[in-house]
Each structure stands twice: as C-alpha cells, then as structure tokens.
Amino acid sequence: MHALIIEDQFLIATLIEDELRELGYTSFRTVDRQSDAVEAARLRCPDLITADDRLTEGSGIEAVRLICRGASIPVVFIVGNPEGFVAPIAGAVLIGKPFGGTRLHQAVAEAVELHQLERLG
C-alpha cells in the first residue's frame, strides 16, 4: 500500500512513516509543499494521505482538496491546533500534534473505514 505524507517537519514525517510501516504500508512519498503533493498524487495515486494543514509553501488543506477532486482517498489531517479545525472533505479524520503511535493507528483505521463506507454508498 502506498501512502502520501504531506508534512514539512522532518521528524514528524519520519514518525508518521515509521507508524504507517507498522500498519502495512510499504511505499511512501513524503512532501513538504502543496505543489509537490499534488504532483506526487498525480504520478501515483495514494491509498492513504496524511496531511498537516500548514506547510512552509502552500497549504496541506488545499493540496488534499485538489488531490481528492478526482479520487476518493482516506485522509488523516495531523494539525498543530485542532480547536475549531473543520476537515475540508467528508470522511477525513483529524488528530492533533503531538500524537502517539496508537492514536495515529486509530485515526488511519477510522479513515479507511469511513472511506469504505462512503464507497458502499
């Protein structure tokens, strides 16, 4: 399974990759800019997206909107300040920073389940 990690903090991106590997994801693309995220998804559609809302260049929120326009993909937003944050796409799951591996595992499972339910109608 292929995951797209949209995160501009190297240590957090590495932690996310390690945790996703435990969940069976074997292929990763980590990007830190909105434009790179959109291009990476165009080249290879991910099975899962994790995204920070704010990036050094651009917005993780806007990247996810652009990517999910033409595809239905499970999404986990990992944000610094979850208070008042509203996920821009239906079925996206939100967790705040800092987070532990267990919480990320739960969020990924929830996002995948919501995605499957959405596909069933």
N, C-alpha and C. Protein backbone atom coordinates (compact mmCIF):
# COMPACT_ATOMS: atom_id res chain seq x y z
N MET A 1 0.85 -1.18 0.00
CA MET A 1 0.00 0.00 0.00
C MET A 1 0.89 1.24 0.00
N HIS A 2 0.41 2.26 -0.66
CA HIS A 2 1.19 3.49 -0.87
C HIS A 2 0.58 4.65 -0.08
N ALA A 3 1.40 5.34 0.69
CA ALA A 3 0.93 6.48 1.48
C ALA A 3 1.63 7.76 1.02
N LEU A 4 0.87 8.84 0.97
CA LEU A 4 1.40 10.17 0.70
C LEU A 4 1.38 10.93 2.01
N ILE A 5 2.56 11.37 2.44
CA ILE A 5 2.71 12.11 3.70
C ILE A 5 3.01 13.56 3.34
N ILE A 6 2.09 14.45 3.70
CA ILE A 6 2.26 15.88 3.42
C ILE A 6 2.59 16.55 4.74
N GLU A 7 3.86 16.81 4.96
CA GLU A 7 4.34 17.30 6.25
C GLU A 7 5.66 18.03 6.05
N ASP A 8 5.79 19.23 6.63
CA ASP A 8 7.02 19.99 6.44
C ASP A 8 7.99 19.90 7.62
N GLN A 9 7.66 19.11 8.63
CA GLN A 9 8.57 18.89 9.75
C GLN A 9 9.16 17.49 9.62
N PHE A 10 10.45 17.42 9.37
CA PHE A 10 11.12 16.16 9.05
C PHE A 10 10.89 15.09 10.12
N LEU A 11 11.06 15.43 11.39
CA LEU A 11 10.92 14.43 12.45
C LEU A 11 9.50 13.87 12.52
N ILE A 12 8.52 14.72 12.34
CA ILE A 12 7.13 14.25 12.36
C ILE A 12 6.86 13.37 11.15
N ALA A 13 7.36 13.77 9.99
CA ALA A 13 7.18 12.95 8.78
C ALA A 13 7.81 11.57 8.96
N THR A 14 8.98 11.53 9.59
CA THR A 14 9.66 10.25 9.83
C THR A 14 8.86 9.39 10.79
N LEU A 15 8.32 10.00 11.85
CA LEU A 15 7.48 9.27 12.80
C LEU A 15 6.25 8.70 12.10
N ILE A 16 5.60 9.51 11.28
CA ILE A 16 4.41 9.05 10.55
C ILE A 16 4.78 7.86 9.66
N GLU A 17 5.88 7.97 8.94
CA GLU A 17 6.30 6.88 8.06
C GLU A 17 6.55 5.60 8.85
N ASP A 18 7.23 5.72 9.99
CA ASP A 18 7.50 4.54 10.82
C ASP A 18 6.21 3.88 11.30
N GLU A 19 5.26 4.70 11.73
CA GLU A 19 3.98 4.16 12.22
C GLU A 19 3.18 3.52 11.09
N LEU A 20 3.19 4.14 9.91
CA LEU A 20 2.46 3.57 8.78
C LEU A 20 3.09 2.26 8.32
N ARG A 21 4.39 2.16 8.44
CA ARG A 21 5.07 0.91 8.09
C ARG A 21 4.55 -0.23 8.99
N GLU A 22 4.34 0.08 10.27
CA GLU A 22 3.79 -0.92 11.20
C GLU A 22 2.39 -1.37 10.78
N LEU A 23 1.67 -0.50 10.09
CA LEU A 23 0.31 -0.81 9.64
C LEU A 23 0.28 -1.51 8.28
N GLY A 24 1.45 -1.75 7.70
CA GLY A 24 1.50 -2.49 6.45
C GLY A 24 1.74 -1.65 5.20
N TYR A 25 1.90 -0.36 5.36
CA TYR A 25 2.22 0.49 4.20
C TYR A 25 3.68 0.26 3.86
N THR A 26 3.95 0.02 2.59
CA THR A 26 5.31 -0.35 2.18
C THR A 26 5.95 0.67 1.26
N SER A 27 5.17 1.60 0.79
CA SER A 27 5.67 2.60 -0.15
C SER A 27 5.23 3.97 0.35
N PHE A 28 6.16 4.92 0.32
CA PHE A 28 5.88 6.24 0.86
C PHE A 28 6.39 7.32 -0.08
N ARG A 29 5.68 8.41 -0.08
CA ARG A 29 6.19 9.64 -0.71
C ARG A 29 5.94 10.73 0.32
N THR A 30 6.99 11.38 0.77
CA THR A 30 6.87 12.46 1.73
C THR A 30 7.20 13.76 1.03
N VAL A 31 6.30 14.72 1.14
CA VAL A 31 6.49 16.02 0.50
C VAL A 31 6.22 17.12 1.52
N ASP A 32 6.81 18.28 1.28
CA ASP A 32 6.63 19.38 2.23
C ASP A 32 6.04 20.63 1.59
N ARG A 33 5.60 20.51 0.35
CA ARG A 33 4.98 21.65 -0.34
C ARG A 33 3.70 21.21 -1.03
N GLN A 34 2.75 22.13 -1.10
CA GLN A 34 1.46 21.84 -1.73
C GLN A 34 1.63 21.36 -3.16
N SER A 35 2.42 22.05 -3.94
CA SER A 35 2.57 21.70 -5.36
C SER A 35 3.19 20.31 -5.52
N ASP A 36 4.14 19.96 -4.65
CA ASP A 36 4.76 18.64 -4.72
C ASP A 36 3.76 17.54 -4.35
N ALA A 37 2.86 17.83 -3.41
CA ALA A 37 1.84 16.86 -3.01
C ALA A 37 0.91 16.54 -4.17
N VAL A 38 0.46 17.57 -4.84
CA VAL A 38 -0.46 17.38 -5.97
C VAL A 38 0.24 16.60 -7.08
N GLU A 39 1.47 16.94 -7.37
CA GLU A 39 2.23 16.24 -8.41
C GLU A 39 2.48 14.78 -8.03
N ALA A 40 2.83 14.53 -6.78
CA ALA A 40 3.08 13.16 -6.32
C ALA A 40 1.83 12.30 -6.47
N ALA A 41 0.67 12.85 -6.12
CA ALA A 41 -0.59 12.11 -6.23
C ALA A 41 -0.96 11.88 -7.69
N ARG A 42 -0.61 12.83 -8.55
CA ARG A 42 -0.89 12.67 -9.98
C ARG A 42 -0.05 11.52 -10.56
N LEU A 43 1.19 11.42 -10.11
CA LEU A 43 2.08 10.38 -10.61
C LEU A 43 1.73 8.99 -10.08
N ARG A 44 1.29 8.95 -8.83
CA ARG A 44 0.90 7.68 -8.22
C ARG A 44 -0.17 7.94 -7.18
N CYS A 45 -1.36 7.47 -7.45
CA CYS A 45 -2.49 7.70 -6.55
C CYS A 45 -2.25 6.95 -5.23
N PRO A 46 -2.26 7.67 -4.12
CA PRO A 46 -2.00 7.01 -2.83
C PRO A 46 -3.22 6.25 -2.32
N ASP A 47 -2.95 5.26 -1.47
CA ASP A 47 -4.00 4.53 -0.78
C ASP A 47 -4.42 5.25 0.50
N LEU A 48 -3.57 6.19 0.96
CA LEU A 48 -3.82 6.95 2.17
C LEU A 48 -3.04 8.26 2.07
N ILE A 49 -3.64 9.33 2.60
CA ILE A 49 -2.94 10.61 2.71
C ILE A 49 -2.95 11.03 4.17
N THR A 50 -1.77 11.41 4.68
CA THR A 50 -1.72 12.14 5.95
C THR A 50 -1.24 13.53 5.60
N ALA A 51 -1.86 14.54 6.22
CA ALA A 51 -1.53 15.92 5.83
C ALA A 51 -1.56 16.87 7.02
N ASP A 52 -0.53 17.69 7.10
CA ASP A 52 -0.52 18.83 8.00
C ASP A 52 -1.33 19.92 7.33
N ASP A 53 -1.98 20.77 8.11
CA ASP A 53 -2.78 21.82 7.49
C ASP A 53 -1.92 22.96 6.97
N ARG A 54 -0.84 23.27 7.67
CA ARG A 54 0.03 24.39 7.27
C ARG A 54 1.39 23.87 6.83
N LEU A 55 1.81 24.34 5.69
CA LEU A 55 3.11 23.96 5.15
C LEU A 55 3.96 25.20 4.96
N THR A 56 5.26 25.00 4.81
CA THR A 56 6.15 26.13 4.55
C THR A 56 5.74 26.83 3.26
N GLU A 57 5.40 26.04 2.25
CA GLU A 57 4.96 26.59 0.97
C GLU A 57 3.61 25.99 0.61
N GLY A 58 2.57 26.76 0.81
CA GLY A 58 1.23 26.31 0.44
C GLY A 58 0.48 25.76 1.63
N SER A 59 -0.56 25.01 1.32
CA SER A 59 -1.48 24.51 2.33
C SER A 59 -1.74 23.02 2.13
N GLY A 60 -1.61 22.26 3.20
CA GLY A 60 -1.96 20.85 3.13
C GLY A 60 -3.44 20.65 2.87
N ILE A 61 -4.24 21.58 3.40
CA ILE A 61 -5.69 21.52 3.18
C ILE A 61 -6.00 21.65 1.69
N GLU A 62 -5.42 22.65 1.06
CA GLU A 62 -5.67 22.87 -0.36
C GLU A 62 -5.11 21.73 -1.20
N ALA A 63 -3.96 21.19 -0.81
CA ALA A 63 -3.39 20.05 -1.53
C ALA A 63 -4.37 18.88 -1.51
N VAL A 64 -4.93 18.59 -0.34
CA VAL A 64 -5.88 17.48 -0.22
C VAL A 64 -7.13 17.75 -1.04
N ARG A 65 -7.62 18.97 -1.01
CA ARG A 65 -8.80 19.32 -1.83
C ARG A 65 -8.53 19.04 -3.31
N LEU A 66 -7.38 19.48 -3.78
CA LEU A 66 -7.03 19.29 -5.19
C LEU A 66 -6.87 17.82 -5.53
N ILE A 67 -6.21 17.08 -4.67
CA ILE A 67 -5.97 15.65 -4.91
C ILE A 67 -7.29 14.88 -4.90
N CYS A 68 -8.15 15.18 -3.95
CA CYS A 68 -9.38 14.40 -3.76
C CYS A 68 -10.51 14.82 -4.69
N ARG A 69 -10.28 15.83 -5.52
CA ARG A 69 -11.29 16.21 -6.52
C ARG A 69 -11.59 15.06 -7.46
N GLY A 70 -10.55 14.37 -7.88
CA GLY A 70 -10.73 13.32 -8.87
C GLY A 70 -10.58 11.92 -8.32
N ALA A 71 -10.44 11.80 -7.00
CA ALA A 71 -10.22 10.48 -6.42
C ALA A 71 -10.76 10.43 -5.00
N SER A 72 -11.18 9.27 -4.60
CA SER A 72 -11.65 9.06 -3.23
C SER A 72 -10.54 8.34 -2.47
N ILE A 73 -9.95 9.03 -1.50
CA ILE A 73 -8.78 8.52 -0.78
C ILE A 73 -8.98 8.77 0.72
N PRO A 74 -8.68 7.79 1.57
CA PRO A 74 -8.73 8.05 3.01
C PRO A 74 -7.71 9.12 3.40
N VAL A 75 -8.13 10.04 4.29
CA VAL A 75 -7.27 11.17 4.68
C VAL A 75 -7.26 11.31 6.19
N VAL A 76 -6.05 11.52 6.74
CA VAL A 76 -5.88 11.88 8.14
C VAL A 76 -5.17 13.22 8.18
N PHE A 77 -5.83 14.22 8.76
CA PHE A 77 -5.18 15.51 8.98
C PHE A 77 -4.51 15.48 10.34
N ILE A 78 -3.24 15.87 10.37
CA ILE A 78 -2.47 15.93 11.61
C ILE A 78 -2.07 17.39 11.79
N VAL A 79 -2.75 18.06 12.73
CA VAL A 79 -2.62 19.52 12.82
C VAL A 79 -2.11 19.96 14.18
N GLY A 80 -1.44 21.11 14.19
CA GLY A 80 -0.90 21.66 15.42
C GLY A 80 -1.97 22.17 16.36
N ASN A 81 -3.04 22.73 15.81
CA ASN A 81 -4.10 23.29 16.63
C ASN A 81 -5.45 22.79 16.12
N PRO A 82 -5.95 21.69 16.70
CA PRO A 82 -7.20 21.12 16.21
C PRO A 82 -8.46 21.88 16.62
N GLU A 83 -8.33 22.82 17.56
CA GLU A 83 -9.50 23.57 18.02
C GLU A 83 -10.12 24.34 16.85
N GLY A 84 -11.37 24.07 16.57
CA GLY A 84 -12.08 24.78 15.52
C GLY A 84 -11.75 24.33 14.10
N PHE A 85 -10.85 23.36 13.95
CA PHE A 85 -10.48 22.89 12.62
C PHE A 85 -11.63 22.07 12.05
N VAL A 86 -12.02 22.37 10.84
CA VAL A 86 -13.05 21.61 10.15
C VAL A 86 -12.42 20.97 8.92
N ALA A 87 -12.49 19.65 8.85
CA ALA A 87 -11.90 18.94 7.71
C ALA A 87 -12.59 19.38 6.43
N PRO A 88 -11.81 19.67 5.39
CA PRO A 88 -12.38 20.19 4.15
C PRO A 88 -13.04 19.14 3.26
N ILE A 89 -12.86 17.88 3.59
CA ILE A 89 -13.51 16.84 2.79
C ILE A 89 -14.23 15.87 3.72
N ALA A 90 -15.32 15.33 3.25
CA ALA A 90 -16.09 14.38 4.05
C ALA A 90 -15.26 13.13 4.31
N GLY A 91 -15.38 12.60 5.51
CA GLY A 91 -14.70 11.36 5.84
C GLY A 91 -13.27 11.50 6.30
N ALA A 92 -12.74 12.71 6.29
CA ALA A 92 -11.37 12.91 6.78
C ALA A 92 -11.36 12.83 8.30
N VAL A 93 -10.28 12.31 8.84
CA VAL A 93 -10.12 12.18 10.29
C VAL A 93 -9.08 13.19 10.74
N LEU A 94 -9.26 13.72 11.93
CA LEU A 94 -8.39 14.77 12.46
C LEU A 94 -7.74 14.31 13.76
N ILE A 95 -6.42 14.51 13.85
CA ILE A 95 -5.73 14.34 15.13
C ILE A 95 -4.81 15.54 15.33
N GLY A 96 -4.55 15.85 16.58
CA GLY A 96 -3.69 16.98 16.90
C GLY A 96 -2.27 16.54 17.20
N LYS A 97 -1.36 17.51 17.08
CA LYS A 97 0.03 17.30 17.48
C LYS A 97 0.16 17.82 18.90
N PRO A 98 0.94 17.19 19.72
CA PRO A 98 1.67 15.94 19.46
C PRO A 98 0.72 14.74 19.51
N PHE A 99 1.14 13.66 18.90
CA PHE A 99 0.31 12.45 18.86
C PHE A 99 1.22 11.25 19.09
N GLY A 100 0.62 10.17 19.53
CA GLY A 100 1.36 8.92 19.70
C GLY A 100 1.02 7.95 18.60
N GLY A 101 1.80 6.89 18.54
CA GLY A 101 1.58 5.88 17.51
C GLY A 101 0.21 5.25 17.58
N THR A 102 -0.26 4.99 18.80
CA THR A 102 -1.58 4.37 18.95
C THR A 102 -2.67 5.26 18.37
N ARG A 103 -2.59 6.55 18.65
CA ARG A 103 -3.61 7.48 18.13
C ARG A 103 -3.57 7.55 16.61
N LEU A 104 -2.37 7.55 16.03
CA LEU A 104 -2.26 7.57 14.57
C LEU A 104 -2.83 6.28 13.98
N HIS A 105 -2.54 5.14 14.61
CA HIS A 105 -3.08 3.87 14.12
C HIS A 105 -4.61 3.90 14.14
N GLN A 106 -5.18 4.43 15.23
CA GLN A 106 -6.64 4.53 15.33
C GLN A 106 -7.21 5.44 14.25
N ALA A 107 -6.54 6.57 14.02
CA ALA A 107 -7.02 7.53 13.02
C ALA A 107 -6.98 6.94 11.62
N VAL A 108 -5.91 6.22 11.30
CA VAL A 108 -5.80 5.59 9.98
C VAL A 108 -6.91 4.55 9.81
N ALA A 109 -7.12 3.72 10.83
CA ALA A 109 -8.18 2.71 10.76
C ALA A 109 -9.54 3.37 10.56
N GLU A 110 -9.78 4.46 11.28
CA GLU A 110 -11.05 5.17 11.15
C GLU A 110 -11.22 5.77 9.75
N ALA A 111 -10.15 6.38 9.22
CA ALA A 111 -10.22 6.98 7.89
C ALA A 111 -10.49 5.92 6.82
N VAL A 112 -9.82 4.79 6.93
CA VAL A 112 -10.02 3.70 5.96
C VAL A 112 -11.45 3.17 6.06
N GLU A 113 -11.95 3.00 7.28
CA GLU A 113 -13.32 2.51 7.46
C GLU A 113 -14.34 3.50 6.90
N LEU A 114 -14.17 4.78 7.18
CA LEU A 114 -15.08 5.80 6.64
C LEU A 114 -15.04 5.81 5.11
N HIS A 115 -13.85 5.65 4.56
CA HIS A 115 -13.70 5.61 3.11
C HIS A 115 -14.44 4.42 2.52
N GLN A 116 -14.32 3.27 3.15
CA GLN A 116 -15.02 2.07 2.66
C GLN A 116 -16.53 2.24 2.75
N LEU A 117 -17.01 2.81 3.85
CA LEU A 117 -18.45 3.06 3.99
C LEU A 117 -18.95 4.04 2.94
N GLU A 118 -18.15 5.06 2.67
CA GLU A 118 -18.51 6.05 1.65
C GLU A 118 -18.62 5.40 0.27
N ARG A 119 -17.71 4.50 -0.03
CA ARG A 119 -17.73 3.83 -1.32
C ARG A 119 -18.93 2.91 -1.47
N LEU A 120 -19.38 2.34 -0.36
CA LEU A 120 -20.55 1.46 -0.41
C LEU A 120 -21.85 2.23 -0.58
N GLY A 121 -21.78 3.53 -0.28
CA GLY A 121 -22.94 4.38 -0.50
C GLY A 121 -23.72 4.54 0.72
